[in-house]
Amino acid sequence: MKPKRESSQRTYCLLHAAAPSRNVAALAGAALLASGCAAVTTADGERLPVASDRFRAYAEGVFRRQNRIATDLAFELGELDPDEAAFDELAAAEDELLAQCEGLNEVAAAARDGERLATGRRLDAARKAPDCERATDAAAAALERHRN
């Protein structure tokens, strides 16, 4: 028997440690300063200049949605027995979500804590927002399959 994942509680605590929208605004603002003419292509193919209000709204939406889905995953995993078929699928979805959204979460945590990340790191996080969006979509689909 596999041990229950301890990541559920840890994930919940990490993602909900006071990450208000100002953190997302800080991400977008940092990207704005660092980007010049850089653009990001969203998961649905829309190309957004990083220095735009549309990107700022997009990044905030991705950040908020991945937080909700990660929380849902953490709670679902906490309720499942590790021997259940859905456990491995949801655990893999959680791992992928956390890996792909690491940059957005790092920038938000730094802003929350009053720290500054290097410009290149902030821009890299902004460019990876579509990867976070795709991982969030996949995790949401895994949750939906489990719930049905």
C-alpha atoms as a PDB file:
ATOM      1  CA  MET A   1       0.000   0.000   0.000  1.00  0.00           C
ATOM      2  CA  LYS A   2       1.290   3.433  -0.907  1.00  0.00           C
ATOM      3  CA  PRO A   3       1.410   6.052   1.850  1.00  0.00           C
ATOM      4  CA  LYS A   4      -1.014   8.946   1.558  1.00  0.00           C
ATOM      5  CA  ARG A   5       0.473  11.997  -0.060  1.00  0.00           C
ATOM      6  CA  GLU A   6       1.457  14.712   2.342  1.00  0.00           C
ATOM      7  CA  SER A   7       1.462  17.197  -0.517  1.00  0.00           C
ATOM      8  CA  SER A   8      -2.252  17.839  -0.165  1.00  0.00           C
ATOM      9  CA  GLN A   9      -1.963  19.866   3.038  1.00  0.00           C
ATOM     10  CA  ARG A  10       1.351  21.412   2.036  1.00  0.00           C
ATOM     11  CA  THR A  11      -0.031  22.407  -1.352  1.00  0.00           C
ATOM     12  CA  TYR A  12      -3.098  23.987   0.202  1.00  0.00           C
ATOM     13  CA  CYS A  13      -0.960  25.981   2.647  1.00  0.00           C
ATOM     14  CA  LEU A  14       1.474  27.134  -0.034  1.00  0.00           C
ATOM     15  CA  LEU A  15      -1.214  28.230  -2.427  1.00  0.00           C
ATOM     16  CA  HIS A  16      -3.345  30.023   0.115  1.00  0.00           C
ATOM     17  CA  ALA A  17      -0.688  31.825   2.114  1.00  0.00           C
ATOM     18  CA  ALA A  18      -2.215  35.227   1.446  1.00  0.00           C
ATOM     19  CA  ALA A  19      -1.729  35.543  -2.300  1.00  0.00           C
ATOM     20  CA  PRO A  20      -3.966  38.514  -3.106  1.00  0.00           C
ATOM     21  CA  SER A  21      -4.427  39.918  -6.564  1.00  0.00           C
ATOM     22  CA  ARG A  22      -1.670  42.463  -5.986  1.00  0.00           C
ATOM     23  CA  ASN A  23       0.751  39.579  -6.447  1.00  0.00           C
ATOM     24  CA  VAL A  24      -0.631  38.906  -9.889  1.00  0.00           C
ATOM     25  CA  ALA A  25      -0.478  42.606 -10.672  1.00  0.00           C
ATOM     26  CA  ALA A  26       3.147  42.559  -9.531  1.00  0.00           C
ATOM     27  CA  LEU A  27       3.824  39.651 -11.900  1.00  0.00           C
ATOM     28  CA  ALA A  28       2.282  41.478 -14.797  1.00  0.00           C
ATOM     29  CA  GLY A  29       3.984  44.738 -13.873  1.00  0.00           C
ATOM     30  CA  ALA A  30       7.351  43.046 -13.581  1.00  0.00           C
ATOM     31  CA  ALA A  31       6.857  41.392 -16.921  1.00  0.00           C
ATOM     32  CA  LEU A  32       5.857  44.739 -18.381  1.00  0.00           C
ATOM     33  CA  LEU A  33       9.103  46.329 -17.256  1.00  0.00           C
ATOM     34  CA  ALA A  34      11.196  43.409 -18.423  1.00  0.00           C
ATOM     35  CA  SER A  35       9.545  42.615 -21.682  1.00  0.00           C
ATOM     36  CA  GLY A  36       9.785  45.428 -24.123  1.00  0.00           C
ATOM     37  CA  CYS A  37       7.973  43.885 -27.097  1.00  0.00           C
ATOM     38  CA  ALA A  38       7.717  40.305 -25.788  1.00  0.00           C
ATOM     39  CA  ALA A  39       4.484  38.449 -26.409  1.00  0.00           C
ATOM     40  CA  VAL A  40       2.943  35.270 -25.049  1.00  0.00           C
ATOM     41  CA  THR A  41       0.676  32.893 -26.945  1.00  0.00           C
ATOM     42  CA  THR A  42      -2.095  31.593 -24.709  1.00  0.00           C
ATOM     43  CA  ALA A  43      -3.233  27.956 -24.716  1.00  0.00           C
ATOM     44  CA  ASP A  44      -6.056  28.854 -27.109  1.00  0.00           C
ATOM     45  CA  GLY A  45      -3.677  30.579 -29.550  1.00  0.00           C
ATOM     46  CA  GLU A  46      -4.235  34.246 -28.694  1.00  0.00           C
ATOM     47  CA  ARG A  47      -1.029  36.284 -28.822  1.00  0.00           C
ATOM     48  CA  LEU A  48      -0.784  38.824 -26.013  1.00  0.00           C
ATOM     49  CA  PRO A  49       1.934  41.442 -25.581  1.00  0.00           C
ATOM     50  CA  VAL A  50       3.366  40.960 -22.097  1.00  0.00           C
ATOM     51  CA  ALA A  51       3.250  44.721 -21.591  1.00  0.00           C
ATOM     52  CA  SER A  52      -0.516  44.895 -22.072  1.00  0.00           C
ATOM     53  CA  ASP A  53      -3.598  45.077 -19.885  1.00  0.00           C
ATOM     54  CA  ARG A  54      -4.902  41.983 -21.670  1.00  0.00           C
ATOM     55  CA  PHE A  55      -1.845  40.004 -20.584  1.00  0.00           C
ATOM     56  CA  ARG A  56      -2.213  41.298 -17.049  1.00  0.00           C
ATOM     57  CA  ALA A  57      -5.826  40.070 -16.964  1.00  0.00           C
ATOM     58  CA  TYR A  58      -4.814  36.770 -18.560  1.00  0.00           C
ATOM     59  CA  ALA A  59      -1.997  36.148 -16.036  1.00  0.00           C
ATOM     60  CA  GLU A  60      -4.318  36.952 -13.155  1.00  0.00           C
ATOM     61  CA  GLY A  61      -6.959  34.568 -14.492  1.00  0.00           C
ATOM     62  CA  VAL A  62      -4.435  31.742 -14.947  1.00  0.00           C
ATOM     63  CA  PHE A  63      -3.007  32.333 -11.471  1.00  0.00           C
ATOM     64  CA  ARG A  64      -6.398  32.347  -9.768  1.00  0.00           C
ATOM     65  CA  ARG A  65      -7.722  29.309 -11.646  1.00  0.00           C
ATOM     66  CA  GLN A  66      -4.643  27.207 -10.973  1.00  0.00           C
ATOM     67  CA  ASN A  67      -4.964  28.056  -7.281  1.00  0.00           C
ATOM     68  CA  ARG A  68      -8.586  26.844  -7.263  1.00  0.00           C
ATOM     69  CA  ILE A  69      -7.790  23.641  -9.153  1.00  0.00           C
ATOM     70  CA  ALA A  70      -4.719  22.893  -7.011  1.00  0.00           C
ATOM     71  CA  THR A  71      -6.847  23.297  -3.895  1.00  0.00           C
ATOM     72  CA  ASP A  72      -9.522  20.988  -5.307  1.00  0.00           C
ATOM     73  CA  LEU A  73      -6.852  18.420  -6.157  1.00  0.00           C
ATOM     74  CA  ALA A  74      -5.370  18.623  -2.678  1.00  0.00           C
ATOM     75  CA  PHE A  75      -8.738  17.987  -1.065  1.00  0.00           C
ATOM     76  CA  GLU A  76      -9.622  15.147  -3.459  1.00  0.00           C
ATOM     77  CA  LEU A  77      -6.263  13.463  -2.860  1.00  0.00           C
ATOM     78  CA  GLY A  78      -6.732  13.817   0.878  1.00  0.00           C
ATOM     79  CA  GLU A  79      -9.997  11.904   0.626  1.00  0.00           C
ATOM     80  CA  LEU A  80      -8.760   9.097  -1.631  1.00  0.00           C
ATOM     81  CA  ASP A  81      -7.093   5.884  -0.593  1.00  0.00           C
ATOM     82  CA  PRO A  82      -3.755   5.596  -2.413  1.00  0.00           C
ATOM     83  CA  ASP A  83      -4.877   2.231  -3.787  1.00  0.00           C
ATOM     84  CA  GLU A  84      -7.854   3.757  -5.615  1.00  0.00           C
ATOM     85  CA  ALA A  85      -7.490   3.994  -9.384  1.00  0.00           C
ATOM     86  CA  ALA A  86      -8.070   7.748  -9.483  1.00  0.00           C
ATOM     87  CA  PHE A  87      -5.311   8.463  -6.967  1.00  0.00           C
ATOM     88  CA  ASP A  88      -2.418   8.049  -9.392  1.00  0.00           C
ATOM     89  CA  GLU A  89      -4.097  10.128 -12.095  1.00  0.00           C
ATOM     90  CA  LEU A  90      -4.910  12.966  -9.701  1.00  0.00           C
ATOM     91  CA  ALA A  91      -1.478  12.810  -8.067  1.00  0.00           C
ATOM     92  CA  ALA A  92       0.186  13.073 -11.479  1.00  0.00           C
ATOM     93  CA  ALA A  93      -2.095  15.985 -12.403  1.00  0.00           C
ATOM     94  CA  GLU A  94      -1.170  17.730  -9.151  1.00  0.00           C
ATOM     95  CA  ASP A  95       2.552  17.199  -9.745  1.00  0.00           C
ATOM     96  CA  GLU A  96       2.320  18.536 -13.302  1.00  0.00           C
ATOM     97  CA  LEU A  97       0.240  21.530 -12.204  1.00  0.00           C
ATOM     98  CA  LEU A  98       2.723  22.460  -9.486  1.00  0.00           C
ATOM     99  CA  ALA A  99       5.678  22.034 -11.845  1.00  0.00           C
ATOM    100  CA  GLN A 100       4.178  24.075 -14.704  1.00  0.00           C
ATOM    101  CA  CYS A 101       2.863  26.831 -12.428  1.00  0.00           C
ATOM    102  CA  GLU A 102       5.970  27.086 -10.287  1.00  0.00           C
ATOM    103  CA  GLY A 103       7.120  30.311 -11.943  1.00  0.00           C
ATOM    104  CA  LEU A 104       3.798  32.127 -11.483  1.00  0.00           C
ATOM    105  CA  ASN A 105       3.613  30.970  -7.880  1.00  0.00           C
ATOM    106  CA  GLU A 106       7.224  32.012  -7.229  1.00  0.00           C
ATOM    107  CA  VAL A 107       6.623  35.521  -8.548  1.00  0.00           C
ATOM    108  CA  ALA A 108       3.400  35.852  -6.544  1.00  0.00           C
ATOM    109  CA  ALA A 109       5.091  34.609  -3.358  1.00  0.00           C
ATOM    110  CA  ALA A 110       7.997  37.011  -3.852  1.00  0.00           C
ATOM    111  CA  ALA A 111       5.616  39.933  -4.331  1.00  0.00           C
ATOM    112  CA  ARG A 112       3.631  38.886  -1.263  1.00  0.00           C
ATOM    113  CA  ASP A 113       6.834  38.743   0.790  1.00  0.00           C
ATOM    114  CA  GLY A 114       8.116  42.079  -0.516  1.00  0.00           C
ATOM    115  CA  GLU A 115      11.025  40.442  -2.362  1.00  0.00           C
ATOM    116  CA  ARG A 116      12.231  41.170  -5.879  1.00  0.00           C
ATOM    117  CA  LEU A 117      13.122  38.500  -8.373  1.00  0.00           C
ATOM    118  CA  ALA A 118      15.522  39.065 -11.216  1.00  0.00           C
ATOM    119  CA  THR A 119      13.917  40.550 -14.307  1.00  0.00           C
ATOM    120  CA  GLY A 120      14.739  37.513 -16.425  1.00  0.00           C
ATOM    121  CA  ARG A 121      13.112  35.209 -13.909  1.00  0.00           C
ATOM    122  CA  ARG A 122       9.934  37.275 -13.860  1.00  0.00           C
ATOM    123  CA  LEU A 123       9.782  37.374 -17.648  1.00  0.00           C
ATOM    124  CA  ASP A 124      10.401  33.623 -17.825  1.00  0.00           C
ATOM    125  CA  ALA A 125       7.474  33.079 -15.429  1.00  0.00           C
ATOM    126  CA  ALA A 126       5.282  35.285 -17.612  1.00  0.00           C
ATOM    127  CA  ARG A 127       6.246  33.341 -20.730  1.00  0.00           C
ATOM    128  CA  LYS A 128       5.382  30.055 -19.015  1.00  0.00           C
ATOM    129  CA  ALA A 129       1.868  31.172 -18.067  1.00  0.00           C
ATOM    130  CA  PRO A 130       0.403  29.243 -21.043  1.00  0.00           C
ATOM    131  CA  ASP A 131       2.094  26.047 -19.776  1.00  0.00           C
ATOM    132  CA  CYS A 132       0.452  26.675 -16.418  1.00  0.00           C
ATOM    133  CA  GLU A 133      -2.855  27.247 -18.185  1.00  0.00           C
ATOM    134  CA  ARG A 134      -2.572  23.920 -20.060  1.00  0.00           C
ATOM    135  CA  ALA A 135      -1.618  22.025 -16.891  1.00  0.00           C
ATOM    136  CA  THR A 136      -4.571  23.626 -15.110  1.00  0.00           C
ATOM    137  CA  ASP A 137      -6.910  22.536 -17.915  1.00  0.00           C
ATOM    138  CA  ALA A 138      -5.555  18.970 -17.727  1.00  0.00           C
ATOM    139  CA  ALA A 139      -5.889  18.875 -13.929  1.00  0.00           C
ATOM    140  CA  ALA A 140      -9.456  20.187 -14.130  1.00  0.00           C
ATOM    141  CA  ALA A 141     -10.289  17.467 -16.659  1.00  0.00           C
ATOM    142  CA  ALA A 142      -8.798  14.799 -14.371  1.00  0.00           C
ATOM    143  CA  LEU A 143     -10.905  16.086 -11.482  1.00  0.00           C
ATOM    144  CA  GLU A 144     -14.006  16.045 -13.660  1.00  0.00           C
ATOM    145  CA  ARG A 145     -13.337  12.444 -14.704  1.00  0.00           C
ATOM    146  CA  HIS A 146     -12.917  11.458 -11.050  1.00  0.00           C
ATOM    147  CA  ARG A 147     -16.113  13.193  -9.970  1.00  0.00           C
ATOM    148  CA  ASN A 148     -18.260  11.559 -12.685  1.00  0.00           C
END
